């Protein structure tokens, strides 16, 4: 009895399997005949999904990787000539190849950078790996540059390759400055030479090189005796700054300091009065008539002078505005302030 039931069960399974197989083969044959008899009805366009933007959506899913350059060459080769328009840099296509930086004032490579550091060239910024910074060849030179106010950043090898766009940097790269900076003590001594009441300009958060260049130009035009720049949160003395300054950078001393607030305390000890230029100042600039050594602080357009720096100020002055414009450009505000203070 058991053997008979098993045989019957296997026969049923075989019959059901054969029915399914026959139905599959019949459906495939019918589909083939249907496509053969009606080629237009079953064209490629009819078999696509209802969403006509399917191909575009397929591209969009990979666009983040394309911008980083991961699949660029692979996709160009795989999609062929018909999709070549997708890679054009025009207004209709968003895929843009990034432009490389202009490296006219950059030097990289151990030997080239070592010679530049040894020759006492003016340097704006240094990027290096921790291995290079701690090496016997560069440690003393980099420490000397840090004491001069040069900003030194320890970065990873990959980050440095990204900054230099894949150049053979060997772990170190520098950006040259258009003018040398001097220590704060030397700037104070120079400002008091042949001038009883010198005026020094300190900048807090001016990161735009065009603004910095315009401020330097105005400062030299109104006989400002020096400029104090913090190492961080400030544009450096780059070629763009020198170009906007239109030669003024060659005639005014600049000191780059590690900590602006400590430098203000040192200037106070030397007899300087600290003035902050702020839209929330209590004293209109026209009412300030003190004749004394002055330090004028100009902040960024969006944030102004930081709260900690405002506490170091003896006065907070404002420029009264009569129109509907609520604020002035940082370089314009600096020029207006310097004009008034130098005409007292």
C-alpha atoms as a PDB file:
ATOM      1  CA  UNK A   1       0.000   0.000   0.000  1.00  0.00           C
ATOM      2  CA  UNK A   2       2.781   2.448   0.841  1.00  0.00           C
ATOM      3  CA  UNK A   3       4.624   1.901  -2.401  1.00  0.00           C
ATOM      4  CA  UNK A   4       1.443   2.442  -4.404  1.00  0.00           C
ATOM      5  CA  UNK A   5       0.715   5.796  -2.708  1.00  0.00           C
ATOM      6  CA  UNK A   6       4.238   6.970  -3.292  1.00  0.00           C
ATOM      7  CA  UNK A   7       4.097   6.091  -6.955  1.00  0.00           C
ATOM      8  CA  UNK A   8       0.751   7.856  -7.337  1.00  0.00           C
ATOM      9  CA  UNK A   9       2.135  10.913  -5.564  1.00  0.00           C
ATOM     10  CA  UNK A  10       5.180  11.054  -7.839  1.00  0.00           C
ATOM     11  CA  UNK A  11       2.966  10.684 -10.896  1.00  0.00           C
ATOM     12  CA  UNK A  12       0.832  13.613  -9.797  1.00  0.00           C
ATOM     13  CA  UNK A  13       3.912  15.787  -9.265  1.00  0.00           C
ATOM     14  CA  UNK A  14       5.293  14.827 -12.658  1.00  0.00           C
ATOM     15  CA  UNK A  15       2.011  15.613 -14.327  1.00  0.00           C
ATOM     16  CA  UNK A  16       1.744  19.017 -12.617  1.00  0.00           C
ATOM     17  CA  UNK A  17       5.355  19.781 -13.481  1.00  0.00           C
ATOM     18  CA  UNK A  18       4.766  18.865 -17.126  1.00  0.00           C
ATOM     19  CA  UNK A  19       1.655  21.040 -17.239  1.00  0.00           C
ATOM     20  CA  UNK A  20       3.571  24.025 -15.876  1.00  0.00           C
ATOM     21  CA  UNK A  21       6.426  23.446 -18.309  1.00  0.00           C
ATOM     22  CA  UNK A  22       4.030  23.189 -21.200  1.00  0.00           C
ATOM     23  CA  UNK A  23       2.262  26.379 -20.132  1.00  0.00           C
ATOM     24  CA  UNK A  24       5.607  28.211 -19.916  1.00  0.00           C
ATOM     25  CA  UNK A  25       6.704  26.995 -23.334  1.00  0.00           C
ATOM     26  CA  UNK A  26       3.311  27.866 -24.779  1.00  0.00           C
ATOM     27  CA  UNK A  27       3.469  31.408 -23.349  1.00  0.00           C
ATOM     28  CA  UNK A  28       6.980  31.902 -24.717  1.00  0.00           C
ATOM     29  CA  UNK A  29       5.907  30.614 -28.138  1.00  0.00           C
ATOM     30  CA  UNK A  30       2.836  32.828 -28.156  1.00  0.00           C
ATOM     31  CA  UNK A  31       4.903  35.834 -27.133  1.00  0.00           C
ATOM     32  CA  UNK A  32       7.442  35.128 -29.882  1.00  0.00           C
ATOM     33  CA  UNK A  33       4.729  34.769 -32.510  1.00  0.00           C
ATOM     34  CA  UNK A  34       3.028  37.917 -31.316  1.00  0.00           C
ATOM     35  CA  UNK A  35       6.271  39.931 -31.582  1.00  0.00           C
ATOM     36  CA  UNK A  36       6.969  38.419 -34.998  1.00  0.00           C
ATOM     37  CA  UNK A  37       3.535  39.235 -36.380  1.00  0.00           C
ATOM     38  CA  UNK A  38       3.254  42.701 -34.802  1.00  0.00           C
ATOM     39  CA  UNK A  39       6.760  44.238 -34.777  1.00  0.00           C
ATOM     40  CA  UNK A  40       5.537  47.825 -34.525  1.00  0.00           C
ATOM     41  CA  UNK A  41       3.227  47.194 -31.609  1.00  0.00           C
ATOM     42  CA  UNK A  42       6.010  45.622 -29.577  1.00  0.00           C
ATOM     43  CA  UNK A  43       8.744  48.117 -30.320  1.00  0.00           C
ATOM     44  CA  UNK A  44      11.398  49.148 -27.790  1.00  0.00           C
ATOM     45  CA  UNK A  45       9.536  52.323 -26.914  1.00  0.00           C
ATOM     46  CA  UNK A  46       6.392  50.351 -25.967  1.00  0.00           C
ATOM     47  CA  UNK A  47       8.294  48.019 -23.703  1.00  0.00           C
ATOM     48  CA  UNK A  48       9.801  50.905 -21.635  1.00  0.00           C
ATOM     49  CA  UNK A  49       8.260  51.827 -18.277  1.00  0.00           C
ATOM     50  CA  UNK A  50       5.502  54.427 -18.139  1.00  0.00           C
ATOM     51  CA  UNK A  51       7.932  56.974 -16.697  1.00  0.00           C
ATOM     52  CA  UNK A  52       9.507  58.639 -19.731  1.00  0.00           C
ATOM     53  CA  UNK A  53      12.309  60.063 -17.593  1.00  0.00           C
ATOM     54  CA  UNK A  54      13.610  56.630 -16.743  1.00  0.00           C
ATOM     55  CA  UNK A  55      16.976  57.176 -18.427  1.00  0.00           C
ATOM     56  CA  UNK A  56      17.348  60.590 -16.798  1.00  0.00           C
ATOM     57  CA  UNK A  57      16.486  59.111 -13.409  1.00  0.00           C
ATOM     58  CA  UNK A  58      19.073  56.426 -14.009  1.00  0.00           C
ATOM     59  CA  UNK A  59      21.666  59.133 -14.562  1.00  0.00           C
ATOM     60  CA  UNK A  60      20.552  61.126 -11.535  1.00  0.00           C
ATOM     61  CA  UNK A  61      21.066  58.190  -9.216  1.00  0.00           C
ATOM     62  CA  UNK A  62      24.771  58.223 -10.061  1.00  0.00           C
ATOM     63  CA  UNK A  63      25.350  61.954 -10.365  1.00  0.00           C
ATOM     64  CA  UNK A  64      26.898  62.346  -6.917  1.00  0.00           C
ATOM     65  CA  UNK A  65      29.605  59.901  -7.842  1.00  0.00           C
ATOM     66  CA  UNK A  66      30.077  61.461 -11.260  1.00  0.00           C
ATOM     67  CA  UNK A  67      30.828  64.892  -9.782  1.00  0.00           C
ATOM     68  CA  UNK A  68      33.558  63.312  -7.691  1.00  0.00           C
ATOM     69  CA  UNK A  69      35.015  61.749 -10.817  1.00  0.00           C
ATOM     70  CA  UNK A  70      34.442  58.133  -9.766  1.00  0.00           C
ATOM     71  CA  UNK A  71      32.511  56.833 -12.744  1.00  0.00           C
ATOM     72  CA  UNK A  72      33.190  59.542 -15.302  1.00  0.00           C
ATOM     73  CA  UNK A  73      35.445  57.588 -17.684  1.00  0.00           C
ATOM     74  CA  UNK A  74      33.443  54.374 -17.240  1.00  0.00           C
ATOM     75  CA  UNK A  75      30.133  56.011 -18.082  1.00  0.00           C
ATOM     76  CA  UNK A  76      31.472  57.864 -21.066  1.00  0.00           C
ATOM     77  CA  UNK A  77      32.765  54.642 -22.561  1.00  0.00           C
ATOM     78  CA  UNK A  78      29.691  52.565 -21.696  1.00  0.00           C
ATOM     79  CA  UNK A  79      26.987  54.940 -22.914  1.00  0.00           C
ATOM     80  CA  UNK A  80      28.679  55.601 -26.227  1.00  0.00           C
ATOM     81  CA  UNK A  81      28.353  58.407 -28.746  1.00  0.00           C
ATOM     82  CA  UNK A  82      24.597  58.819 -28.409  1.00  0.00           C
ATOM     83  CA  UNK A  83      24.993  60.147 -24.878  1.00  0.00           C
ATOM     84  CA  UNK A  84      28.005  62.366 -25.562  1.00  0.00           C
ATOM     85  CA  UNK A  85      25.844  65.485 -25.161  1.00  0.00           C
ATOM     86  CA  UNK A  86      25.345  64.612 -21.511  1.00  0.00           C
ATOM     87  CA  UNK A  87      28.984  65.422 -20.815  1.00  0.00           C
ATOM     88  CA  UNK A  88      29.054  68.827 -22.499  1.00  0.00           C
ATOM     89  CA  UNK A  89      29.728  71.807 -20.218  1.00  0.00           C
ATOM     90  CA  UNK A  90      26.784  73.923 -21.266  1.00  0.00           C
ATOM     91  CA  UNK A  91      23.820  75.510 -19.520  1.00  0.00           C
ATOM     92  CA  UNK A  92      21.537  72.559 -20.206  1.00  0.00           C
ATOM     93  CA  UNK A  93      23.694  69.976 -18.442  1.00  0.00           C
ATOM     94  CA  UNK A  94      24.699  70.327 -14.826  1.00  0.00           C
ATOM     95  CA  UNK A  95      27.762  68.059 -14.878  1.00  0.00           C
ATOM     96  CA  UNK A  96      30.733  70.433 -14.761  1.00  0.00           C
ATOM     97  CA  UNK A  97      34.404  69.558 -14.542  1.00  0.00           C
ATOM     98  CA  UNK A  98      35.913  71.689 -11.724  1.00  0.00           C
ATOM     99  CA  UNK A  99      38.519  74.230 -12.735  1.00  0.00           C
ATOM    100  CA  UNK A 100      41.923  73.861 -11.148  1.00  0.00           C
ATOM    101  CA  UNK A 101      43.354  76.567  -8.938  1.00  0.00           C
ATOM    102  CA  UNK A 102      45.928  78.970 -10.221  1.00  0.00           C
ATOM    103  CA  UNK A 103      49.160  77.937  -8.557  1.00  0.00           C
ATOM    104  CA  UNK A 104      51.297  80.924  -9.534  1.00  0.00           C
ATOM    105  CA  UNK A 105      52.173  81.628  -5.886  1.00  0.00           C
ATOM    106  CA  UNK A 106      52.350  77.996  -4.729  1.00  0.00           C
ATOM    107  CA  UNK A 107      55.388  75.773  -4.178  1.00  0.00           C
ATOM    108  CA  UNK A 108      55.326  72.066  -3.303  1.00  0.00           C
ATOM    109  CA  UNK A 109      57.858  69.273  -2.976  1.00  0.00           C
ATOM    110  CA  UNK A 110      60.426  68.861  -0.206  1.00  0.00           C
ATOM    111  CA  UNK A 111      63.441  70.284  -2.029  1.00  0.00           C
ATOM    112  CA  UNK A 112      61.630  73.307  -3.500  1.00  0.00           C
ATOM    113  CA  UNK A 113      59.890  74.175  -0.242  1.00  0.00           C
ATOM    114  CA  UNK A 114      63.092  73.756   1.763  1.00  0.00           C
ATOM    115  CA  UNK A 115      64.908  76.253  -0.439  1.00  0.00           C
ATOM    116  CA  UNK A 116      62.002  78.715  -0.196  1.00  0.00           C
ATOM    117  CA  UNK A 117      61.947  78.465   3.610  1.00  0.00           C
ATOM    118  CA  UNK A 118      65.727  78.824   3.830  1.00  0.00           C
ATOM    119  CA  UNK A 119      65.761  81.953   1.645  1.00  0.00           C
ATOM    120  CA  UNK A 120      63.409  83.870   3.984  1.00  0.00           C
ATOM    121  CA  UNK A 121      60.776  84.448   1.314  1.00  0.00           C
ATOM    122  CA  UNK A 122      57.449  85.946   2.399  1.00  0.00           C
ATOM    123  CA  UNK A 123      55.032  83.078   3.038  1.00  0.00           C
ATOM    124  CA  UNK A 124      51.297  83.277   3.570  1.00  0.00           C
ATOM    125  CA  UNK A 125      50.382  79.709   4.480  1.00  0.00           C
ATOM    126  CA  UNK A 126      51.907  76.251   4.869  1.00  0.00           C
ATOM    127  CA  UNK A 127      50.267  72.825   4.573  1.00  0.00           C
ATOM    128  CA  UNK A 128      52.238  69.750   5.631  1.00  0.00           C
ATOM    129  CA  UNK A 129      51.807  66.252   7.005  1.00  0.00           C
ATOM    130  CA  UNK A 130      52.727  65.423  10.594  1.00  0.00           C
ATOM    131  CA  UNK A 131      55.700  63.366   9.392  1.00  0.00           C
ATOM    132  CA  UNK A 132      57.210  66.318   7.545  1.00  0.00           C
ATOM    133  CA  UNK A 133      56.512  68.758  10.381  1.00  0.00           C
ATOM    134  CA  UNK A 134      58.325  66.564  12.910  1.00  0.00           C
ATOM    135  CA  UNK A 135      61.214  65.686  10.586  1.00  0.00           C
ATOM    136  CA  UNK A 136      64.683  66.913  11.475  1.00  0.00           C
ATOM    137  CA  UNK A 137      65.015  68.783   8.179  1.00  0.00           C
ATOM    138  CA  UNK A 138      61.874  70.922   8.462  1.00  0.00           C
ATOM    139  CA  UNK A 139      61.069  71.193  12.178  1.00  0.00           C
ATOM    140  CA  UNK A 140      63.213  74.242  12.983  1.00  0.00           C
ATOM    141  CA  UNK A 141      62.314  76.073   9.758  1.00  0.00           C
ATOM    142  CA  UNK A 142      58.585  75.552  10.311  1.00  0.00           C
ATOM    143  CA  UNK A 143      58.826  76.673  13.930  1.00  0.00           C
ATOM    144  CA  UNK A 144      60.526  79.890  12.799  1.00  0.00           C
ATOM    145  CA  UNK A 145      57.751  80.543  10.295  1.00  0.00           C
ATOM    146  CA  UNK A 146      55.127  79.986  12.980  1.00  0.00           C
ATOM    147  CA  UNK A 147      56.827  82.553  15.197  1.00  0.00           C
ATOM    148  CA  UNK A 148      56.632  85.035  12.312  1.00  0.00           C
ATOM    149  CA  UNK A 149      52.857  84.648  12.155  1.00  0.00           C
ATOM    150  CA  UNK A 150      52.615  82.228   9.240  1.00  0.00           C
ATOM    151  CA  UNK A 151      49.642  79.878   9.483  1.00  0.00           C
ATOM    152  CA  UNK A 152      50.788  76.240   9.445  1.00  0.00           C
ATOM    153  CA  UNK A 153      48.234  73.445   9.048  1.00  0.00           C
ATOM    154  CA  UNK A 154      49.010  69.797   9.630  1.00  0.00           C
ATOM    155  CA  UNK A 155      46.872  67.806   7.180  1.00  0.00           C
ATOM    156  CA  UNK A 156      46.687  64.240   5.954  1.00  0.00           C
ATOM    157  CA  UNK A 157      48.368  63.076   2.769  1.00  0.00           C
ATOM    158  CA  UNK A 158      45.013  62.681   1.008  1.00  0.00           C
ATOM    159  CA  UNK A 159      43.869  66.153   2.037  1.00  0.00           C
ATOM    160  CA  UNK A 160      47.092  67.684   0.709  1.00  0.00           C
ATOM    161  CA  UNK A 161      46.642  65.825  -2.575  1.00  0.00           C
ATOM    162  CA  UNK A 162      43.135  67.237  -2.775  1.00  0.00           C
ATOM    163  CA  UNK A 163      44.360  70.793  -2.127  1.00  0.00           C
ATOM    164  CA  UNK A 164      47.046  70.549  -4.813  1.00  0.00           C
ATOM    165  CA  UNK A 165      44.832  68.619  -7.271  1.00  0.00           C
ATOM    166  CA  UNK A 166      46.989  65.511  -7.222  1.00  0.00           C
ATOM    167  CA  UNK A 167      50.400  67.164  -7.539  1.00  0.00           C
ATOM    168  CA  UNK A 168      53.571  65.383  -6.397  1.00  0.00           C
ATOM    169  CA  UNK A 169      53.720  67.386  -3.153  1.00  0.00           C
ATOM    170  CA  UNK A 170      55.831  64.916  -1.102  1.00  0.00           C
ATOM    171  CA  UNK A 171      53.965  65.906   2.046  1.00  0.00           C
ATOM    172  CA  UNK A 172      54.371  69.706   2.035  1.00  0.00           C
ATOM    173  CA  UNK A 173      53.104  72.739   0.094  1.00  0.00           C
ATOM    174  CA  UNK A 174      53.323  76.491   0.710  1.00  0.00           C
ATOM    175  CA  UNK A 175      51.604  79.599  -0.578  1.00  0.00           C
ATOM    176  CA  UNK A 176      53.848  82.621  -1.007  1.00  0.00           C
ATOM    177  CA  UNK A 177      52.835  86.049   0.259  1.00  0.00           C
ATOM    178  CA  UNK A 178      53.105  89.285  -1.684  1.00  0.00           C
ATOM    179  CA  UNK A 179      54.639  91.101   1.276  1.00  0.00           C
ATOM    180  CA  UNK A 180      56.528  90.165   4.426  1.00  0.00           C
ATOM    181  CA  UNK A 181      54.857  90.494   7.804  1.00  0.00           C
ATOM    182  CA  UNK A 182      56.663  91.784  10.885  1.00  0.00           C
ATOM    183  CA  UNK A 183      56.282  91.110  14.630  1.00  0.00           C
ATOM    184  CA  UNK A 184      53.839  93.252  16.587  1.00  0.00           C
ATOM    185  CA  UNK A 185      56.575  94.863  18.700  1.00  0.00           C
ATOM    186  CA  UNK A 186      58.361  96.026  15.585  1.00  0.00           C
ATOM    187  CA  UNK A 187      55.095  97.369  14.149  1.00  0.00           C
ATOM    188  CA  UNK A 188      54.475  99.419  17.322  1.00  0.00           C
ATOM    189  CA  UNK A 189      57.982 100.882  17.244  1.00  0.00           C
ATOM    190  CA  UNK A 190      57.645 101.794  13.563  1.00  0.00           C
ATOM    191  CA  UNK A 191      54.257 103.430  14.122  1.00  0.00           C
ATOM    192  CA  UNK A 192      55.649 105.755  16.798  1.00  0.00           C
ATOM    193  CA  UNK A 193      58.604 106.829  14.679  1.00  0.00           C
ATOM    194  CA  UNK A 194      58.145 110.510  13.765  1.00  0.00           C
ATOM    195  CA  UNK A 195      54.481 110.347  14.820  1.00  0.00           C
ATOM    196  CA  UNK A 196      53.124 111.284  18.236  1.00  0.00           C
ATOM    197  CA  UNK A 197      49.630 109.876  17.729  1.00  0.00           C
ATOM    198  CA  UNK A 198      49.801 106.984  15.272  1.00  0.00           C
ATOM    199  CA  UNK A 199      46.758 105.088  14.007  1.00  0.00           C
ATOM    200  CA  UNK A 200      46.841 101.311  13.554  1.00  0.00           C
ATOM    201  CA  UNK A 201      44.119  99.272  11.850  1.00  0.00           C
ATOM    202  CA  UNK A 202      43.184  95.828  13.211  1.00  0.00           C
ATOM    203  CA  UNK A 203      40.945  93.480  11.215  1.00  0.00           C
ATOM    204  CA  UNK A 204      38.676  90.822  12.718  1.00  0.00           C
ATOM    205  CA  UNK A 205      37.211  88.208  10.367  1.00  0.00           C
ATOM    206  CA  UNK A 206      37.938  89.853   6.989  1.00  0.00           C
ATOM    207  CA  UNK A 207      38.166  86.709   4.875  1.00  0.00           C
ATOM    208  CA  UNK A 208      37.487  88.193   1.438  1.00  0.00           C
ATOM    209  CA  UNK A 209      40.801  89.076  -0.270  1.00  0.00           C
ATOM    210  CA  UNK A 210      39.123  91.835  -2.297  1.00  0.00           C
ATOM    211  CA  UNK A 211      37.854  93.496   0.874  1.00  0.00           C
ATOM    212  CA  UNK A 212      41.257  93.145   2.506  1.00  0.00           C
ATOM    213  CA  UNK A 213      43.011  94.676  -0.494  1.00  0.00           C
ATOM    214  CA  UNK A 214      40.577  97.621  -0.577  1.00  0.00           C
ATOM    215  CA  UNK A 215      41.039  98.215   3.183  1.00  0.00           C
ATOM    216  CA  UNK A 216      44.825  98.199   2.841  1.00  0.00           C
ATOM    217  CA  UNK A 217      44.580 100.686  -0.006  1.00  0.00           C
ATOM    218  CA  UNK A 218      42.409 103.050   2.076  1.00  0.00           C
ATOM    219  CA  UNK A 219      44.603 102.631   5.146  1.00  0.00           C
ATOM    220  CA  UNK A 220      47.749 103.637   3.276  1.00  0.00           C
ATOM    221  CA  UNK A 221      45.945 106.547   1.594  1.00  0.00           C
ATOM    222  CA  UNK A 222      44.932 107.994   4.993  1.00  0.00           C
ATOM    223  CA  UNK A 223      48.422 107.556   6.462  1.00  0.00           C
ATOM    224  CA  UNK A 224      47.628 104.597   8.671  1.00  0.00           C
ATOM    225  CA  UNK A 225      50.851 103.408  10.335  1.00  0.00           C
ATOM    226  CA  UNK A 226      50.235  99.671  10.282  1.00  0.00           C
ATOM    227  CA  UNK A 227      47.774  96.789   9.998  1.00  0.00           C
ATOM    228  CA  UNK A 228      47.237  93.889  12.416  1.00  0.00           C
ATOM    229  CA  UNK A 229      45.903  90.635  10.912  1.00  0.00           C
ATOM    230  CA  UNK A 230      45.039  87.471  12.862  1.00  0.00           C
ATOM    231  CA  UNK A 231      46.393  84.205  11.528  1.00  0.00           C
ATOM    232  CA  UNK A 232      42.994  82.527  11.418  1.00  0.00           C
ATOM    233  CA  UNK A 233      39.656  83.814  10.130  1.00  0.00           C
ATOM    234  CA  UNK A 234      41.430  86.257   7.872  1.00  0.00           C
ATOM    235  CA  UNK A 235      42.543  86.475   4.268  1.00  0.00           C
ATOM    236  CA  UNK A 236      46.293  86.346   3.770  1.00  0.00           C
ATOM    237  CA  UNK A 237      48.613  88.615   1.861  1.00  0.00           C
ATOM    238  CA  UNK A 238      48.054  86.837  -1.439  1.00  0.00           C
ATOM    239  CA  UNK A 239      48.509  88.062  -4.993  1.00  0.00           C
ATOM    240  CA  UNK A 240      44.826  88.999  -5.198  1.00  0.00           C
ATOM    241  CA  UNK A 241      45.154  91.217  -2.129  1.00  0.00           C
ATOM    242  CA  UNK A 242      48.251  92.898  -3.543  1.00  0.00           C
ATOM    243  CA  UNK A 243      46.509  93.511  -6.865  1.00  0.00           C
ATOM    244  CA  UNK A 244      43.417  95.081  -5.264  1.00  0.00           C
ATOM    245  CA  UNK A 245      45.613  97.157  -2.957  1.00  0.00           C
ATOM    246  CA  UNK A 246      47.195  98.689  -6.083  1.00  0.00           C
ATOM    247  CA  UNK A 247      50.699  98.956  -4.645  1.00  0.00           C
ATOM    248  CA  UNK A 248      49.711 100.118  -1.154  1.00  0.00           C
ATOM    249  CA  UNK A 249      50.881  96.849   0.385  1.00  0.00           C
ATOM    250  CA  UNK A 250      54.482  97.820  -0.360  1.00  0.00           C
ATOM    251  CA  UNK A 251      54.237 100.988   1.745  1.00  0.00           C
ATOM    252  CA  UNK A 252      52.441  99.883   4.914  1.00  0.00           C
ATOM    253  CA  UNK A 253      53.738  97.368   7.497  1.00  0.00           C
ATOM    254  CA  UNK A 254      51.573  94.359   8.353  1.00  0.00           C
ATOM    255  CA  UNK A 255      51.784  92.156  11.437  1.00  0.00           C
ATOM    256  CA  UNK A 256      50.130  88.740  11.524  1.00  0.00           C
ATOM    257  CA  UNK A 257      49.364  87.697  15.093  1.00  0.00           C
ATOM    258  CA  UNK A 258      48.334  84.381  16.606  1.00  0.00           C
ATOM    259  CA  UNK A 259      45.769  85.874  18.992  1.00  0.00           C
ATOM    260  CA  UNK A 260      44.133  89.224  18.205  1.00  0.00           C
ATOM    261  CA  UNK A 261      42.788  89.827  21.728  1.00  0.00           C
ATOM    262  CA  UNK A 262      46.196  89.321  23.350  1.00  0.00           C
ATOM    263  CA  UNK A 263      47.668  91.708  20.789  1.00  0.00           C
ATOM    264  CA  UNK A 264      45.067  94.334  21.722  1.00  0.00           C
ATOM    265  CA  UNK A 265      46.043  94.018  25.373  1.00  0.00           C
ATOM    266  CA  UNK A 266      49.677  94.541  24.419  1.00  0.00           C
ATOM    267  CA  UNK A 267      48.744  97.635  22.382  1.00  0.00           C
ATOM    268  CA  UNK A 268      46.861  99.012  25.396  1.00  0.00           C
ATOM    269  CA  UNK A 269      49.984  98.645  27.502  1.00  0.00           C
ATOM    270  CA  UNK A 270      51.848 100.712  24.894  1.00  0.00           C
ATOM    271  CA  UNK A 271      49.367 103.595  25.311  1.00  0.00           C
ATOM    272  CA  UNK A 272      46.916 102.900  22.458  1.00  0.00           C
ATOM    273  CA  UNK A 273      43.162 103.477  22.773  1.00  0.00           C
ATOM    274  CA  UNK A 274      41.117 100.644  21.245  1.00  0.00           C
ATOM    275  CA  UNK A 275      38.147 101.636  19.069  1.00  0.00           C
ATOM    276  CA  UNK A 276      35.673  99.176  17.609  1.00  0.00           C
ATOM    277  CA  UNK A 277      33.591 100.028  14.547  1.00  0.00           C
ATOM    278  CA  UNK A 278      30.100  98.587  15.033  1.00  0.00           C
ATOM    279  CA  UNK A 279      26.563  99.268  13.859  1.00  0.00           C
ATOM    280  CA  UNK A 280      25.435  98.888  17.488  1.00  0.00           C
ATOM    281  CA  UNK A 281      27.966 101.406  18.799  1.00  0.00           C
ATOM    282  CA  UNK A 282      26.764 103.937  21.368  1.00  0.00           C
ATOM    283  CA  UNK A 283      28.902 106.832  20.160  1.00  0.00           C
ATOM    284  CA  UNK A 284      28.476 108.370  16.670  1.00  0.00           C
ATOM    285  CA  UNK A 285      31.810 108.646  14.935  1.00  0.00           C
ATOM    286  CA  UNK A 286      31.432 112.427  14.490  1.00  0.00           C
ATOM    287  CA  UNK A 287      31.403 112.942  18.292  1.00  0.00           C
ATOM    288  CA  UNK A 288      34.704 111.175  18.872  1.00  0.00           C
ATOM    289  CA  UNK A 289      37.426 113.828  19.036  1.00  0.00           C
ATOM    290  CA  UNK A 290      40.158 112.299  21.215  1.00  0.00           C
ATOM    291  CA  UNK A 291      43.698 112.896  19.971  1.00  0.00           C
ATOM    292  CA  UNK A 292      45.701 109.893  21.104  1.00  0.00           C
ATOM    293  CA  UNK A 293      47.365 106.779  19.652  1.00  0.00           C
ATOM    294  CA  UNK A 294      44.480 104.732  18.255  1.00  0.00           C
ATOM    295  CA  UNK A 295      43.759 101.193  17.166  1.00  0.00           C
ATOM    296  CA  UNK A 296      40.639 100.874  14.964  1.00  0.00           C
ATOM    297  CA  UNK A 297      39.050  97.427  14.707  1.00  0.00           C
ATOM    298  CA  UNK A 298      36.972  96.591  11.631  1.00  0.00           C
ATOM    299  CA  UNK A 299      34.931  93.382  11.619  1.00  0.00           C
ATOM    300  CA  UNK A 300      33.351  91.312   8.878  1.00  0.00           C
ATOM    301  CA  UNK A 301      30.187  92.427   7.121  1.00  0.00           C
ATOM    302  CA  UNK A 302      27.974  89.570   8.284  1.00  0.00           C
ATOM    303  CA  UNK A 303      29.126  89.028  11.891  1.00  0.00           C
ATOM    304  CA  UNK A 304      30.993  92.233  12.706  1.00  0.00           C
ATOM    305  CA  UNK A 305      33.457  92.292  15.586  1.00  0.00           C
ATOM    306  CA  UNK A 306      33.349  89.224  17.818  1.00  0.00           C
ATOM    307  CA  UNK A 307      31.880  89.641  21.308  1.00  0.00           C
ATOM    308  CA  UNK A 308      35.165  88.824  23.013  1.00  0.00           C
ATOM    309  CA  UNK A 309      36.973  91.460  20.950  1.00  0.00           C
ATOM    310  CA  UNK A 310      34.263  94.033  21.681  1.00  0.00           C
ATOM    311  CA  UNK A 311      35.013  93.647  25.387  1.00  0.00           C
ATOM    312  CA  UNK A 312      38.598  94.712  24.691  1.00  0.00           C
ATOM    313  CA  UNK A 313      37.423  97.993  23.109  1.00  0.00           C
ATOM    314  CA  UNK A 314      37.486 101.298  24.973  1.00  0.00           C
ATOM    315  CA  UNK A 315      34.865 102.761  22.594  1.00  0.00           C
ATOM    316  CA  UNK A 316      32.365 101.331  20.142  1.00  0.00           C
ATOM    317  CA  UNK A 317      31.704 103.837  17.357  1.00  0.00           C
ATOM    318  CA  UNK A 318      28.998 103.749  14.704  1.00  0.00           C
ATOM    319  CA  UNK A 319      28.620 105.461  11.349  1.00  0.00           C
ATOM    320  CA  UNK A 320      25.134 107.071  11.169  1.00  0.00           C
ATOM    321  CA  UNK A 321      23.299 106.082   7.979  1.00  0.00           C
ATOM    322  CA  UNK A 322      20.489 108.274   6.640  1.00  0.00           C
ATOM    323  CA  UNK A 323      19.245 106.126   3.777  1.00  0.00           C
ATOM    324  CA  UNK A 324      17.392 102.819   3.718  1.00  0.00           C
ATOM    325  CA  UNK A 325      20.594 100.789   3.454  1.00  0.00           C
ATOM    326  CA  UNK A 326      21.247  99.176   6.828  1.00  0.00           C
ATOM    327  CA  UNK A 327      25.008  98.648   6.553  1.00  0.00           C
ATOM    328  CA  UNK A 328      28.131  99.474   4.586  1.00  0.00           C
ATOM    329  CA  UNK A 329      30.731  97.303   2.948  1.00  0.00           C
ATOM    330  CA  UNK A 330      33.630  96.613   5.348  1.00  0.00           C
ATOM    331  CA  UNK A 331      36.162  98.413   3.150  1.00  0.00           C
ATOM    332  CA  UNK A 332      33.873 101.444   2.728  1.00  0.00           C
ATOM    333  CA  UNK A 333      33.187 101.636   6.469  1.00  0.00           C
ATOM    334  CA  UNK A 334      36.927 101.476   7.165  1.00  0.00           C
ATOM    335  CA  UNK A 335      37.612 104.313   4.696  1.00  0.00           C
ATOM    336  CA  UNK A 336      34.910 106.546   6.236  1.00  0.00           C
ATOM    337  CA  UNK A 337      36.230 105.918   9.747  1.00  0.00           C
ATOM    338  CA  UNK A 338      39.857 106.532   8.801  1.00  0.00           C
ATOM    339  CA  UNK A 339      38.947 109.742   7.008  1.00  0.00           C
ATOM    340  CA  UNK A 340      37.259 111.142  10.116  1.00  0.00           C
ATOM    341  CA  UNK A 341      39.884 110.024  12.628  1.00  0.00           C
ATOM    342  CA  UNK A 342      42.813 111.360  10.601  1.00  0.00           C
ATOM    343  CA  UNK A 343      41.112 114.738  10.100  1.00  0.00           C
ATOM    344  CA  UNK A 344      40.586 115.486  13.809  1.00  0.00           C
END
